[in-house]
Amino acid sequence: MATKTHKGRFQPGKSGNPSGRPKGVPDRRNELRELITPHVPELLEKALAMARDGDVNALRLLLDRSVPPLKQASAARPFDLGDGKELADLGRAILKAVSKGDLTPDIGRELIDALSAQCKLIEVDEIMRRLEAIENKSP
């Protein structure tokens, strides 16, 4: 079996930034966290007071840090892709369903992505079959 050769930009064991931060030098962010940690309760109370007084930036900061953004949730809806169709036909059926409003665009995108992944799996299977056929023919 042939040995692997490294074809990337950086060589194994060599830093991509040799003049970067030396080992052992503490990360300044950790130092700042240590300085702020004892004051977090009073800082939060101050931010809450500012938000209550109408400071939109304080309100946005508190909400951004404490409430995850909402993601659109779609209810499951049966959708028949049909058996034995070509992948391109399935893609057209999905786009048609989206254009008619039978599927939401985000679900349509997810289905197209799934078809794309399926296509890659089929390609890999076909390459493996061809490779095995070649290996079986060679002396």
N, C-alpha and C. Protein backbone atom coordinates (compact mmCIF):
# COMPACT_ATOMS: atom_id res chain seq x y z
N MET A 1 0.85 -1.18 0.00
CA MET A 1 0.00 0.00 0.00
C MET A 1 0.89 1.24 0.00
N ALA A 2 0.53 2.21 -0.81
CA ALA A 2 1.33 3.42 -0.93
C ALA A 2 1.14 4.29 0.31
N THR A 3 2.21 5.03 0.66
CA THR A 3 2.11 5.93 1.80
C THR A 3 1.44 7.23 1.35
N LYS A 4 0.76 7.86 2.28
CA LYS A 4 0.08 9.12 1.97
C LYS A 4 1.10 10.25 1.93
N THR A 5 0.92 11.14 0.99
CA THR A 5 1.75 12.34 0.94
C THR A 5 0.88 13.53 1.30
N HIS A 6 1.48 14.48 1.99
CA HIS A 6 0.74 15.66 2.41
C HIS A 6 0.74 16.67 1.27
N LYS A 7 -0.44 17.02 0.77
CA LYS A 7 -0.53 17.95 -0.36
C LYS A 7 -1.10 19.31 0.06
N GLY A 8 -1.33 19.51 1.35
CA GLY A 8 -1.89 20.77 1.82
C GLY A 8 -0.87 21.88 1.80
N ARG A 9 -1.31 23.04 2.19
CA ARG A 9 -0.46 24.21 2.19
C ARG A 9 0.56 24.18 3.32
N PHE A 10 0.18 23.61 4.45
CA PHE A 10 1.05 23.58 5.61
C PHE A 10 1.58 22.17 5.83
N GLN A 11 2.78 22.07 6.27
CA GLN A 11 3.39 20.78 6.54
C GLN A 11 3.01 20.32 7.94
N PRO A 12 2.81 19.02 8.13
CA PRO A 12 2.47 18.51 9.45
C PRO A 12 3.56 18.86 10.47
N GLY A 13 3.14 19.30 11.64
CA GLY A 13 4.08 19.62 12.71
C GLY A 13 4.68 21.01 12.62
N LYS A 14 4.33 21.76 11.59
CA LYS A 14 4.86 23.11 11.44
C LYS A 14 3.71 24.10 11.51
N SER A 15 3.90 25.14 12.30
CA SER A 15 2.85 26.13 12.52
C SER A 15 2.60 26.93 11.25
N GLY A 16 1.33 27.23 11.00
CA GLY A 16 0.99 28.10 9.88
C GLY A 16 1.26 29.56 10.20
N ASN A 17 1.52 29.84 11.49
CA ASN A 17 1.81 31.21 11.92
C ASN A 17 2.97 31.13 12.93
N PRO A 18 4.20 30.93 12.44
CA PRO A 18 5.33 30.75 13.35
C PRO A 18 5.61 31.96 14.24
N SER A 19 5.17 33.15 13.84
CA SER A 19 5.41 34.33 14.67
C SER A 19 4.19 34.67 15.52
N GLY A 20 3.30 33.71 15.68
CA GLY A 20 2.09 33.92 16.46
C GLY A 20 2.38 33.95 17.96
N ARG A 21 1.30 33.90 18.76
CA ARG A 21 1.43 33.96 20.22
C ARG A 21 2.27 32.79 20.71
N PRO A 22 3.34 33.07 21.45
CA PRO A 22 4.20 32.00 21.96
C PRO A 22 3.46 31.12 22.97
N LYS A 23 3.87 29.87 23.09
CA LYS A 23 3.28 28.97 24.06
C LYS A 23 3.52 29.52 25.46
N GLY A 24 2.51 29.30 26.31
CA GLY A 24 2.64 29.74 27.70
C GLY A 24 2.13 31.14 27.97
N VAL A 25 1.94 31.94 26.93
CA VAL A 25 1.43 33.29 27.13
C VAL A 25 -0.08 33.17 27.32
N PRO A 26 -0.61 33.69 28.44
CA PRO A 26 -2.04 33.52 28.70
C PRO A 26 -2.91 34.29 27.71
N ASP A 27 -4.07 33.75 27.46
CA ASP A 27 -5.04 34.39 26.58
C ASP A 27 -5.66 35.56 27.33
N ARG A 28 -5.61 36.75 26.78
CA ARG A 28 -6.11 37.95 27.46
C ARG A 28 -7.61 37.87 27.72
N ARG A 29 -8.33 37.14 26.87
CA ARG A 29 -9.78 37.01 27.09
C ARG A 29 -10.06 36.33 28.42
N ASN A 30 -9.25 35.33 28.75
CA ASN A 30 -9.44 34.66 30.04
C ASN A 30 -9.18 35.60 31.21
N GLU A 31 -8.17 36.45 31.06
CA GLU A 31 -7.88 37.43 32.11
C GLU A 31 -9.06 38.39 32.29
N LEU A 32 -9.63 38.84 31.18
CA LEU A 32 -10.77 39.75 31.25
C LEU A 32 -11.98 39.06 31.89
N ARG A 33 -12.21 37.79 31.53
CA ARG A 33 -13.32 37.04 32.14
C ARG A 33 -13.14 36.95 33.65
N GLU A 34 -11.93 36.69 34.08
CA GLU A 34 -11.66 36.58 35.52
C GLU A 34 -11.92 37.92 36.22
N LEU A 35 -11.59 39.03 35.56
CA LEU A 35 -11.83 40.35 36.15
C LEU A 35 -13.33 40.67 36.25
N ILE A 36 -14.08 40.25 35.23
CA ILE A 36 -15.50 40.58 35.16
C ILE A 36 -16.36 39.65 36.01
N THR A 37 -15.99 38.39 36.14
CA THR A 37 -16.82 37.38 36.80
C THR A 37 -17.40 37.80 38.15
N PRO A 38 -16.62 38.39 39.04
CA PRO A 38 -17.23 38.77 40.33
C PRO A 38 -18.30 39.85 40.21
N HIS A 39 -18.29 40.60 39.11
CA HIS A 39 -19.21 41.72 38.94
C HIS A 39 -20.41 41.39 38.06
N VAL A 40 -20.50 40.15 37.57
CA VAL A 40 -21.57 39.79 36.65
C VAL A 40 -22.96 40.07 37.22
N PRO A 41 -23.27 39.70 38.46
CA PRO A 41 -24.63 39.98 38.96
C PRO A 41 -24.98 41.47 38.91
N GLU A 42 -24.06 42.34 39.32
CA GLU A 42 -24.40 43.77 39.32
C GLU A 42 -24.44 44.31 37.89
N LEU A 43 -23.60 43.78 36.98
CA LEU A 43 -23.65 44.21 35.59
C LEU A 43 -24.97 43.81 34.93
N LEU A 44 -25.43 42.60 35.24
CA LEU A 44 -26.72 42.16 34.71
C LEU A 44 -27.86 43.03 35.24
N GLU A 45 -27.80 43.33 36.52
CA GLU A 45 -28.83 44.18 37.12
C GLU A 45 -28.84 45.56 36.46
N LYS A 46 -27.66 46.10 36.18
CA LYS A 46 -27.55 47.41 35.52
C LYS A 46 -28.12 47.33 34.10
N ALA A 47 -27.78 46.26 33.36
CA ALA A 47 -28.30 46.10 31.99
C ALA A 47 -29.82 45.96 32.01
N LEU A 48 -30.35 45.23 33.00
CA LEU A 48 -31.80 45.09 33.13
C LEU A 48 -32.45 46.44 33.41
N ALA A 49 -31.84 47.22 34.29
CA ALA A 49 -32.38 48.54 34.62
C ALA A 49 -32.37 49.44 33.38
N MET A 50 -31.28 49.38 32.62
CA MET A 50 -31.19 50.19 31.42
C MET A 50 -32.25 49.77 30.40
N ALA A 51 -32.45 48.45 30.25
CA ALA A 51 -33.46 47.95 29.33
C ALA A 51 -34.85 48.39 29.77
N ARG A 52 -35.11 48.32 31.08
CA ARG A 52 -36.42 48.75 31.60
C ARG A 52 -36.66 50.24 31.37
N ASP A 53 -35.57 51.01 31.36
CA ASP A 53 -35.68 52.45 31.15
C ASP A 53 -35.75 52.82 29.67
N GLY A 54 -35.78 51.82 28.80
CA GLY A 54 -35.96 52.08 27.37
C GLY A 54 -34.71 52.02 26.53
N ASP A 55 -33.58 51.60 27.09
CA ASP A 55 -32.35 51.48 26.30
C ASP A 55 -32.48 50.24 25.40
N VAL A 56 -32.73 50.49 24.12
CA VAL A 56 -32.97 49.41 23.17
C VAL A 56 -31.73 48.53 23.01
N ASN A 57 -30.55 49.12 23.04
CA ASN A 57 -29.33 48.32 22.89
C ASN A 57 -29.14 47.38 24.07
N ALA A 58 -29.43 47.85 25.27
CA ALA A 58 -29.33 46.98 26.45
C ALA A 58 -30.35 45.85 26.34
N LEU A 59 -31.55 46.18 25.90
CA LEU A 59 -32.59 45.16 25.73
C LEU A 59 -32.18 44.12 24.69
N ARG A 60 -31.67 44.60 23.55
CA ARG A 60 -31.22 43.68 22.49
C ARG A 60 -30.09 42.78 23.00
N LEU A 61 -29.15 43.35 23.71
CA LEU A 61 -28.04 42.56 24.25
C LEU A 61 -28.55 41.46 25.17
N LEU A 62 -29.45 41.80 26.07
CA LEU A 62 -29.99 40.81 27.00
C LEU A 62 -30.76 39.71 26.27
N LEU A 63 -31.58 40.11 25.32
CA LEU A 63 -32.37 39.12 24.58
C LEU A 63 -31.48 38.24 23.70
N ASP A 64 -30.52 38.86 23.02
CA ASP A 64 -29.64 38.09 22.14
C ASP A 64 -28.84 37.04 22.92
N ARG A 65 -28.47 37.37 24.15
CA ARG A 65 -27.66 36.46 24.95
C ARG A 65 -28.47 35.43 25.73
N SER A 66 -29.76 35.69 25.90
CA SER A 66 -30.53 34.80 26.76
C SER A 66 -31.64 34.02 26.05
N VAL A 67 -32.09 34.50 24.90
CA VAL A 67 -33.18 33.83 24.19
C VAL A 67 -32.68 33.42 22.81
N PRO A 68 -32.65 32.12 22.51
CA PRO A 68 -32.18 31.71 21.19
C PRO A 68 -33.15 32.18 20.10
N PRO A 69 -32.63 32.46 18.92
CA PRO A 69 -33.51 32.92 17.84
C PRO A 69 -34.50 31.82 17.46
N LEU A 70 -35.69 32.24 17.09
CA LEU A 70 -36.71 31.29 16.68
C LEU A 70 -36.42 30.79 15.28
N LYS A 71 -36.61 29.49 15.10
CA LYS A 71 -36.47 28.90 13.78
C LYS A 71 -37.85 28.48 13.31
N GLN A 72 -38.07 28.66 12.03
CA GLN A 72 -39.36 28.30 11.50
C GLN A 72 -39.55 26.79 11.63
N ALA A 73 -40.65 26.40 12.21
CA ALA A 73 -40.95 24.98 12.36
C ALA A 73 -42.11 24.64 11.44
N SER A 74 -41.87 23.68 10.58
CA SER A 74 -42.92 23.26 9.65
C SER A 74 -43.50 21.94 10.12
N ALA A 75 -44.79 21.86 10.01
CA ALA A 75 -45.45 20.60 10.37
C ALA A 75 -45.17 19.56 9.29
N ALA A 76 -45.07 18.31 9.71
CA ALA A 76 -44.85 17.23 8.75
C ALA A 76 -46.05 17.15 7.83
N ARG A 77 -45.77 16.99 6.55
CA ARG A 77 -46.83 16.88 5.56
C ARG A 77 -46.46 15.78 4.59
N PRO A 78 -47.34 14.82 4.40
CA PRO A 78 -47.03 13.74 3.45
C PRO A 78 -46.81 14.31 2.05
N PHE A 79 -45.83 13.74 1.38
CA PHE A 79 -45.52 14.19 0.02
C PHE A 79 -45.00 12.98 -0.74
N ASP A 80 -45.68 12.60 -1.79
CA ASP A 80 -45.31 11.41 -2.55
C ASP A 80 -44.32 11.79 -3.65
N LEU A 81 -43.11 11.28 -3.53
CA LEU A 81 -42.11 11.53 -4.56
C LEU A 81 -42.23 10.51 -5.69
N GLY A 82 -42.92 9.43 -5.45
CA GLY A 82 -43.06 8.40 -6.48
C GLY A 82 -41.85 7.49 -6.51
N ASP A 83 -42.05 6.29 -6.95
CA ASP A 83 -40.97 5.31 -7.04
C ASP A 83 -40.47 5.21 -8.47
N GLY A 84 -39.20 4.97 -8.62
CA GLY A 84 -38.62 4.73 -9.93
C GLY A 84 -38.40 5.96 -10.77
N LYS A 85 -38.62 7.13 -10.23
CA LYS A 85 -38.38 8.35 -11.00
C LYS A 85 -36.89 8.69 -10.97
N GLU A 86 -36.45 9.36 -12.00
CA GLU A 86 -35.08 9.86 -12.04
C GLU A 86 -34.96 11.00 -11.03
N LEU A 87 -33.73 11.22 -10.54
CA LEU A 87 -33.53 12.28 -9.55
C LEU A 87 -33.94 13.66 -10.08
N ALA A 88 -33.66 13.92 -11.35
CA ALA A 88 -34.05 15.21 -11.92
C ALA A 88 -35.57 15.37 -11.93
N ASP A 89 -36.30 14.27 -12.21
CA ASP A 89 -37.76 14.33 -12.18
C ASP A 89 -38.26 14.60 -10.76
N LEU A 90 -37.61 13.98 -9.78
CA LEU A 90 -37.99 14.22 -8.39
C LEU A 90 -37.75 15.68 -8.02
N GLY A 91 -36.63 16.23 -8.47
CA GLY A 91 -36.34 17.64 -8.21
C GLY A 91 -37.39 18.55 -8.82
N ARG A 92 -37.80 18.24 -10.05
CA ARG A 92 -38.85 19.04 -10.69
C ARG A 92 -40.17 18.93 -9.92
N ALA A 93 -40.48 17.72 -9.43
CA ALA A 93 -41.72 17.53 -8.66
C ALA A 93 -41.69 18.35 -7.37
N ILE A 94 -40.54 18.40 -6.74
CA ILE A 94 -40.41 19.19 -5.51
C ILE A 94 -40.58 20.68 -5.81
N LEU A 95 -39.91 21.17 -6.85
CA LEU A 95 -40.04 22.58 -7.22
C LEU A 95 -41.47 22.93 -7.61
N LYS A 96 -42.15 22.02 -8.29
CA LYS A 96 -43.54 22.24 -8.67
C LYS A 96 -44.42 22.33 -7.41
N ALA A 97 -44.18 21.44 -6.45
CA ALA A 97 -44.95 21.45 -5.21
C ALA A 97 -44.72 22.75 -4.43
N VAL A 98 -43.48 23.25 -4.45
CA VAL A 98 -43.20 24.53 -3.78
C VAL A 98 -43.91 25.66 -4.51
N SER A 99 -43.86 25.65 -5.84
CA SER A 99 -44.48 26.74 -6.60
C SER A 99 -46.00 26.75 -6.45
N LYS A 100 -46.60 25.57 -6.22
CA LYS A 100 -48.06 25.49 -6.03
C LYS A 100 -48.45 25.77 -4.58
N GLY A 101 -47.47 25.84 -3.69
CA GLY A 101 -47.77 26.09 -2.29
C GLY A 101 -48.06 24.82 -1.50
N ASP A 102 -47.83 23.65 -2.12
CA ASP A 102 -48.04 22.39 -1.41
C ASP A 102 -46.92 22.13 -0.41
N LEU A 103 -45.75 22.70 -0.66
CA LEU A 103 -44.61 22.59 0.24
C LEU A 103 -44.06 23.98 0.51
N THR A 104 -43.55 24.19 1.71
CA THR A 104 -42.92 25.48 2.01
C THR A 104 -41.53 25.50 1.36
N PRO A 105 -41.03 26.67 1.05
CA PRO A 105 -39.70 26.75 0.43
C PRO A 105 -38.60 26.10 1.27
N ASP A 106 -38.66 26.22 2.60
CA ASP A 106 -37.61 25.62 3.42
C ASP A 106 -37.67 24.09 3.35
N ILE A 107 -38.85 23.52 3.33
CA ILE A 107 -38.97 22.06 3.18
C ILE A 107 -38.52 21.64 1.79
N GLY A 108 -38.88 22.43 0.78
CA GLY A 108 -38.43 22.13 -0.59
C GLY A 108 -36.91 22.12 -0.68
N ARG A 109 -36.28 23.11 -0.04
CA ARG A 109 -34.81 23.17 -0.06
C ARG A 109 -34.22 21.95 0.63
N GLU A 110 -34.81 21.56 1.76
CA GLU A 110 -34.31 20.38 2.48
C GLU A 110 -34.45 19.13 1.62
N LEU A 111 -35.55 19.00 0.91
CA LEU A 111 -35.74 17.84 0.04
C LEU A 111 -34.75 17.84 -1.12
N ILE A 112 -34.52 19.00 -1.71
CA ILE A 112 -33.54 19.10 -2.80
C ILE A 112 -32.14 18.75 -2.27
N ASP A 113 -31.81 19.24 -1.07
CA ASP A 113 -30.52 18.89 -0.46
C ASP A 113 -30.42 17.38 -0.24
N ALA A 114 -31.52 16.77 0.18
CA ALA A 114 -31.52 15.32 0.39
C ALA A 114 -31.33 14.59 -0.93
N LEU A 115 -31.95 15.08 -2.00
CA LEU A 115 -31.75 14.47 -3.32
C LEU A 115 -30.30 14.61 -3.77
N SER A 116 -29.71 15.75 -3.49
CA SER A 116 -28.31 15.97 -3.85
C SER A 116 -27.41 14.98 -3.12
N ALA A 117 -27.67 14.78 -1.83
CA ALA A 117 -26.90 13.81 -1.06
C ALA A 117 -27.11 12.41 -1.60
N GLN A 118 -28.34 12.08 -1.99
CA GLN A 118 -28.63 10.77 -2.57
C GLN A 118 -27.87 10.58 -3.87
N CYS A 119 -27.80 11.64 -4.66
CA CYS A 119 -27.06 11.58 -5.93
C CYS A 119 -25.59 11.27 -5.67
N LYS A 120 -25.01 11.90 -4.67
CA LYS A 120 -23.60 11.64 -4.34
C LYS A 120 -23.39 10.20 -3.90
N LEU A 121 -24.35 9.67 -3.11
CA LEU A 121 -24.25 8.28 -2.68
C LEU A 121 -24.31 7.33 -3.88
N ILE A 122 -25.20 7.62 -4.82
CA ILE A 122 -25.30 6.79 -6.02
C ILE A 122 -24.00 6.85 -6.82
N GLU A 123 -23.42 8.05 -6.93
CA GLU A 123 -22.15 8.19 -7.65
C GLU A 123 -21.04 7.37 -6.99
N VAL A 124 -20.95 7.43 -5.67
CA VAL A 124 -19.92 6.66 -4.96
C VAL A 124 -20.14 5.17 -5.16
N ASP A 125 -21.39 4.72 -5.07
CA ASP A 125 -21.68 3.30 -5.30
C ASP A 125 -21.24 2.88 -6.70
N GLU A 126 -21.55 3.71 -7.69
CA GLU A 126 -21.18 3.39 -9.07
C GLU A 126 -19.66 3.35 -9.24
N ILE A 127 -18.95 4.29 -8.63
CA ILE A 127 -17.48 4.30 -8.71
C ILE A 127 -16.92 3.05 -8.05
N MET A 128 -17.47 2.67 -6.91
CA MET A 128 -17.00 1.46 -6.22
C MET A 128 -17.24 0.22 -7.07
N ARG A 129 -18.41 0.12 -7.71
CA ARG A 129 -18.69 -1.03 -8.58
C ARG A 129 -17.69 -1.09 -9.73
N ARG A 130 -17.43 0.06 -10.35
CA ARG A 130 -16.48 0.09 -11.47
C ARG A 130 -15.07 -0.27 -11.02
N LEU A 131 -14.67 0.24 -9.85
CA LEU A 131 -13.34 -0.06 -9.32
C LEU A 131 -13.20 -1.55 -9.03
N GLU A 132 -14.22 -2.15 -8.42
CA GLU A 132 -14.18 -3.59 -8.15
C GLU A 132 -14.10 -4.39 -9.43
N ALA A 133 -14.83 -3.95 -10.47
CA ALA A 133 -14.78 -4.65 -11.75
C ALA A 133 -13.39 -4.57 -12.35
N ILE A 134 -12.77 -3.40 -12.26
CA ILE A 134 -11.40 -3.25 -12.79
C ILE A 134 -10.42 -4.12 -12.01
N GLU A 135 -10.54 -4.11 -10.67
CA GLU A 135 -9.64 -4.92 -9.85
C GLU A 135 -9.83 -6.41 -10.09
N ASN A 136 -11.04 -6.84 -10.36
CA ASN A 136 -11.29 -8.25 -10.63
C ASN A 136 -10.73 -8.68 -11.97
N LYS A 137 -10.62 -7.77 -12.94
CA LYS A 137 -10.08 -8.08 -14.26
C LYS A 137 -8.56 -8.08 -14.29
N SER A 138 -7.92 -7.31 -13.42
CA SER A 138 -6.46 -7.21 -13.44
C SER A 138 -5.84 -8.49 -12.91
N PRO A 139 -4.65 -8.85 -13.48
CA PRO A 139 -4.00 -10.11 -13.08
C PRO A 139 -3.49 -10.12 -11.67
